[in-house]
């Protein structure tokens, strides 16, 4: 319960901060991609990069967690094998 609170509370704060920031920054800036250029607001650009960062962070943590679960399972099997 506490772990979920410690994860969701900072995300909620970041979301509110992004909403306030977006409400005050309506400026349009040009964004150059490799083959094209697009005009975007600062708030939408911030939202896109925040989403991309969250995705890669969650992916990294999921892979790390899965690797540790697999390592723990292997160690438990080895320990059970040694006991018998």
N, C-alpha and C. Protein backbone atom coordinates (compact mmCIF):
# COMPACT_ATOMS: atom_id res chain seq x y z
N UNK A 1 0.82 -1.19 0.00
CA UNK A 1 0.00 0.00 0.00
C UNK A 1 0.86 1.26 0.00
N UNK A 2 1.85 1.28 0.90
CA UNK A 2 2.73 2.45 0.99
C UNK A 2 3.57 2.61 -0.26
N UNK A 3 4.00 1.49 -0.81
CA UNK A 3 4.83 1.55 -2.01
C UNK A 3 4.06 2.16 -3.17
N UNK A 4 2.80 1.78 -3.32
CA UNK A 4 1.97 2.35 -4.38
C UNK A 4 1.76 3.84 -4.15
N UNK A 5 1.61 4.24 -2.90
CA UNK A 5 1.45 5.66 -2.58
C UNK A 5 2.71 6.44 -2.93
N UNK A 6 3.87 5.88 -2.62
CA UNK A 6 5.13 6.56 -2.92
C UNK A 6 5.42 6.62 -4.42
N UNK A 7 4.80 5.74 -5.18
CA UNK A 7 4.97 5.78 -6.63
C UNK A 7 3.96 6.72 -7.27
N UNK A 8 2.72 6.64 -6.84
CA UNK A 8 1.66 7.42 -7.48
C UNK A 8 1.67 8.89 -7.08
N UNK A 9 2.08 9.21 -5.86
CA UNK A 9 2.07 10.60 -5.42
C UNK A 9 3.01 11.48 -6.24
N UNK A 10 4.27 11.08 -6.48
CA UNK A 10 5.12 11.92 -7.34
C UNK A 10 4.60 12.02 -8.77
N UNK A 11 4.00 10.95 -9.28
CA UNK A 11 3.42 11.01 -10.63
C UNK A 11 2.26 11.99 -10.69
N UNK A 12 1.46 12.00 -9.65
CA UNK A 12 0.34 12.94 -9.59
C UNK A 12 0.85 14.38 -9.52
N UNK A 13 1.89 14.61 -8.73
CA UNK A 13 2.47 15.94 -8.63
C UNK A 13 3.04 16.38 -9.98
N UNK A 14 3.73 15.49 -10.68
CA UNK A 14 4.26 15.81 -12.00
C UNK A 14 3.13 16.10 -13.00
N UNK A 15 2.06 15.35 -12.92
CA UNK A 15 0.93 15.57 -13.82
C UNK A 15 0.29 16.93 -13.58
N UNK A 16 0.10 17.29 -12.31
CA UNK A 16 -0.47 18.61 -11.98
C UNK A 16 0.48 19.71 -12.43
N UNK A 17 1.77 19.51 -12.21
CA UNK A 17 2.76 20.50 -12.66
C UNK A 17 2.71 20.66 -14.18
N UNK A 18 2.57 19.57 -14.90
CA UNK A 18 2.50 19.65 -16.36
C UNK A 18 1.23 20.37 -16.80
N UNK A 19 0.11 20.15 -16.11
CA UNK A 19 -1.12 20.85 -16.45
C UNK A 19 -0.99 22.35 -16.22
N UNK A 20 -0.42 22.73 -15.08
CA UNK A 20 -0.23 24.16 -14.79
C UNK A 20 0.74 24.78 -15.78
N UNK A 21 1.80 24.08 -16.06
CA UNK A 21 2.79 24.57 -17.03
C UNK A 21 2.16 24.73 -18.41
N UNK A 22 1.36 23.77 -18.81
CA UNK A 22 0.71 23.84 -20.11
C UNK A 22 -0.32 24.95 -20.20
N UNK A 23 -0.97 25.23 -19.09
CA UNK A 23 -1.97 26.30 -19.10
C UNK A 23 -1.32 27.67 -19.26
N UNK A 24 -0.09 27.81 -18.80
CA UNK A 24 0.59 29.10 -18.85
C UNK A 24 1.52 29.25 -20.04
N UNK A 25 1.79 28.20 -20.78
CA UNK A 25 2.72 28.26 -21.91
C UNK A 25 2.03 27.81 -23.19
N UNK A 26 1.48 28.77 -23.89
CA UNK A 26 0.81 28.49 -25.16
C UNK A 26 1.71 28.80 -26.35
N UNK A 27 2.97 29.10 -26.08
CA UNK A 27 3.88 29.47 -27.14
C UNK A 27 4.14 28.28 -28.07
N UNK A 28 4.15 28.56 -29.37
CA UNK A 28 4.40 27.53 -30.38
C UNK A 28 5.85 27.64 -30.83
N UNK A 29 6.54 26.50 -30.84
CA UNK A 29 7.93 26.48 -31.28
C UNK A 29 8.08 25.46 -32.40
N UNK A 30 9.01 25.70 -33.32
CA UNK A 30 9.25 24.70 -34.38
C UNK A 30 10.14 23.57 -33.86
N UNK A 31 9.77 22.35 -34.21
CA UNK A 31 10.54 21.17 -33.81
C UNK A 31 11.05 20.52 -35.08
N UNK A 32 12.35 20.37 -35.20
CA UNK A 32 12.96 19.78 -36.39
C UNK A 32 13.19 18.29 -36.18
N UNK A 33 12.52 17.50 -37.00
CA UNK A 33 12.77 16.07 -37.02
C UNK A 33 13.81 15.79 -38.11
N UNK A 34 14.15 14.55 -38.34
CA UNK A 34 15.16 14.22 -39.34
C UNK A 34 14.69 14.63 -40.74
N UNK A 35 13.45 14.34 -41.06
CA UNK A 35 12.97 14.60 -42.41
C UNK A 35 11.88 15.67 -42.48
N UNK A 36 11.44 16.19 -41.36
CA UNK A 36 10.33 17.14 -41.39
C UNK A 36 10.45 18.14 -40.25
N UNK A 37 9.60 19.15 -40.30
CA UNK A 37 9.53 20.14 -39.24
C UNK A 37 8.07 20.31 -38.85
N UNK A 38 7.81 20.42 -37.55
CA UNK A 38 6.45 20.57 -37.09
C UNK A 38 6.41 21.64 -36.01
N UNK A 39 5.35 22.42 -35.96
CA UNK A 39 5.17 23.42 -34.92
C UNK A 39 4.36 22.80 -33.79
N UNK A 40 4.89 22.88 -32.57
CA UNK A 40 4.23 22.31 -31.40
C UNK A 40 4.28 23.30 -30.26
N UNK A 41 3.33 23.18 -29.34
CA UNK A 41 3.37 24.02 -28.15
C UNK A 41 4.40 23.45 -27.17
N UNK A 42 4.88 24.31 -26.30
CA UNK A 42 5.87 23.88 -25.31
C UNK A 42 5.26 22.83 -24.39
N UNK A 43 4.00 23.00 -24.04
CA UNK A 43 3.34 22.06 -23.14
C UNK A 43 3.21 20.67 -23.77
N UNK A 44 2.84 20.61 -25.04
CA UNK A 44 2.71 19.30 -25.68
C UNK A 44 4.07 18.64 -25.84
N UNK A 45 5.09 19.42 -26.12
CA UNK A 45 6.44 18.87 -26.22
C UNK A 45 6.90 18.32 -24.88
N UNK A 46 6.61 19.05 -23.80
CA UNK A 46 6.94 18.58 -22.46
C UNK A 46 6.20 17.28 -22.14
N UNK A 47 4.92 17.22 -22.50
CA UNK A 47 4.14 16.01 -22.27
C UNK A 47 4.67 14.81 -23.02
N UNK A 48 5.08 15.03 -24.25
CA UNK A 48 5.63 13.93 -25.06
C UNK A 48 6.92 13.41 -24.44
N UNK A 49 7.83 14.32 -24.07
CA UNK A 49 9.09 13.87 -23.49
C UNK A 49 8.90 13.27 -22.10
N UNK A 50 7.96 13.76 -21.33
CA UNK A 50 7.66 13.16 -20.03
C UNK A 50 7.12 11.75 -20.22
N UNK A 51 6.24 11.57 -21.21
CA UNK A 51 5.70 10.24 -21.48
C UNK A 51 6.76 9.27 -21.96
N UNK A 52 7.65 9.74 -22.84
CA UNK A 52 8.74 8.89 -23.33
C UNK A 52 9.67 8.49 -22.18
N UNK A 53 9.98 9.45 -21.33
CA UNK A 53 10.84 9.15 -20.18
C UNK A 53 10.20 8.17 -19.22
N UNK A 54 8.90 8.33 -18.98
CA UNK A 54 8.19 7.40 -18.11
C UNK A 54 8.17 6.00 -18.71
N UNK A 55 7.95 5.92 -20.02
CA UNK A 55 7.92 4.61 -20.69
C UNK A 55 9.26 3.90 -20.56
N UNK A 56 10.36 4.60 -20.87
CA UNK A 56 11.67 3.95 -20.79
C UNK A 56 12.07 3.63 -19.35
N UNK A 57 11.68 4.46 -18.40
CA UNK A 57 11.94 4.16 -16.99
C UNK A 57 11.18 2.94 -16.53
N UNK A 58 9.90 2.85 -16.91
CA UNK A 58 9.09 1.68 -16.54
C UNK A 58 9.62 0.42 -17.21
N UNK A 59 10.04 0.53 -18.46
CA UNK A 59 10.60 -0.61 -19.17
C UNK A 59 11.89 -1.08 -18.49
N UNK A 60 12.73 -0.15 -18.12
CA UNK A 60 13.99 -0.49 -17.45
C UNK A 60 13.73 -1.17 -16.11
N UNK A 61 12.80 -0.63 -15.33
CA UNK A 61 12.50 -1.23 -14.03
C UNK A 61 11.85 -2.61 -14.18
N UNK A 62 11.01 -2.77 -15.18
CA UNK A 62 10.37 -4.07 -15.41
C UNK A 62 11.40 -5.13 -15.79
N UNK A 63 12.32 -4.77 -16.67
CA UNK A 63 13.37 -5.72 -17.06
C UNK A 63 14.26 -6.07 -15.88
N UNK A 64 14.62 -5.08 -15.09
CA UNK A 64 15.46 -5.32 -13.92
C UNK A 64 14.73 -6.21 -12.91
N UNK A 65 13.46 -5.93 -12.66
CA UNK A 65 12.67 -6.72 -11.73
C UNK A 65 12.55 -8.16 -12.22
N UNK A 66 12.31 -8.35 -13.50
CA UNK A 66 12.18 -9.70 -14.06
C UNK A 66 13.49 -10.47 -13.95
N UNK A 67 14.60 -9.80 -14.20
CA UNK A 67 15.90 -10.44 -14.10
C UNK A 67 16.18 -10.88 -12.66
N UNK A 68 15.83 -10.05 -11.69
CA UNK A 68 16.05 -10.41 -10.29
C UNK A 68 15.13 -11.54 -9.84
N UNK A 69 13.88 -11.55 -10.34
CA UNK A 69 12.97 -12.65 -10.02
C UNK A 69 13.51 -13.97 -10.56
N UNK A 70 14.04 -13.95 -11.79
CA UNK A 70 14.61 -15.15 -12.39
C UNK A 70 15.84 -15.62 -11.60
N UNK A 71 16.68 -14.68 -11.21
CA UNK A 71 17.87 -15.03 -10.42
C UNK A 71 17.47 -15.62 -9.07
N UNK A 72 16.45 -15.05 -8.44
CA UNK A 72 15.97 -15.55 -7.16
C UNK A 72 15.41 -16.96 -7.30
N UNK A 73 14.67 -17.21 -8.38
CA UNK A 73 14.12 -18.55 -8.62
C UNK A 73 15.23 -19.57 -8.79
N UNK A 74 16.27 -19.22 -9.55
CA UNK A 74 17.40 -20.13 -9.76
C UNK A 74 18.12 -20.42 -8.45
N UNK A 75 18.31 -19.41 -7.63
CA UNK A 75 18.98 -19.61 -6.34
C UNK A 75 18.14 -20.49 -5.41
N UNK A 76 16.83 -20.31 -5.42
CA UNK A 76 15.96 -21.16 -4.60
C UNK A 76 16.02 -22.62 -5.05
N UNK A 77 16.05 -22.83 -6.36
CA UNK A 77 16.16 -24.21 -6.88
C UNK A 77 17.48 -24.82 -6.47
N UNK A 78 18.56 -24.06 -6.55
CA UNK A 78 19.87 -24.58 -6.16
C UNK A 78 19.91 -24.89 -4.67
N UNK A 79 19.29 -24.04 -3.87
CA UNK A 79 19.25 -24.27 -2.43
C UNK A 79 18.42 -25.50 -2.10
N UNK A 80 17.30 -25.67 -2.77
CA UNK A 80 16.46 -26.86 -2.55
C UNK A 80 17.18 -28.12 -2.97
N UNK A 81 17.97 -28.04 -4.02
CA UNK A 81 18.72 -29.20 -4.50
C UNK A 81 19.82 -29.58 -3.49
N UNK A 82 20.44 -28.59 -2.86
CA UNK A 82 21.50 -28.86 -1.89
C UNK A 82 20.95 -29.46 -0.61
N UNK A 83 19.71 -29.11 -0.24
CA UNK A 83 19.11 -29.63 0.98
C UNK A 83 18.78 -31.10 0.86
N UNK A 84 18.50 -31.58 -0.34
CA UNK A 84 18.15 -32.99 -0.54
C UNK A 84 19.34 -33.72 -0.96
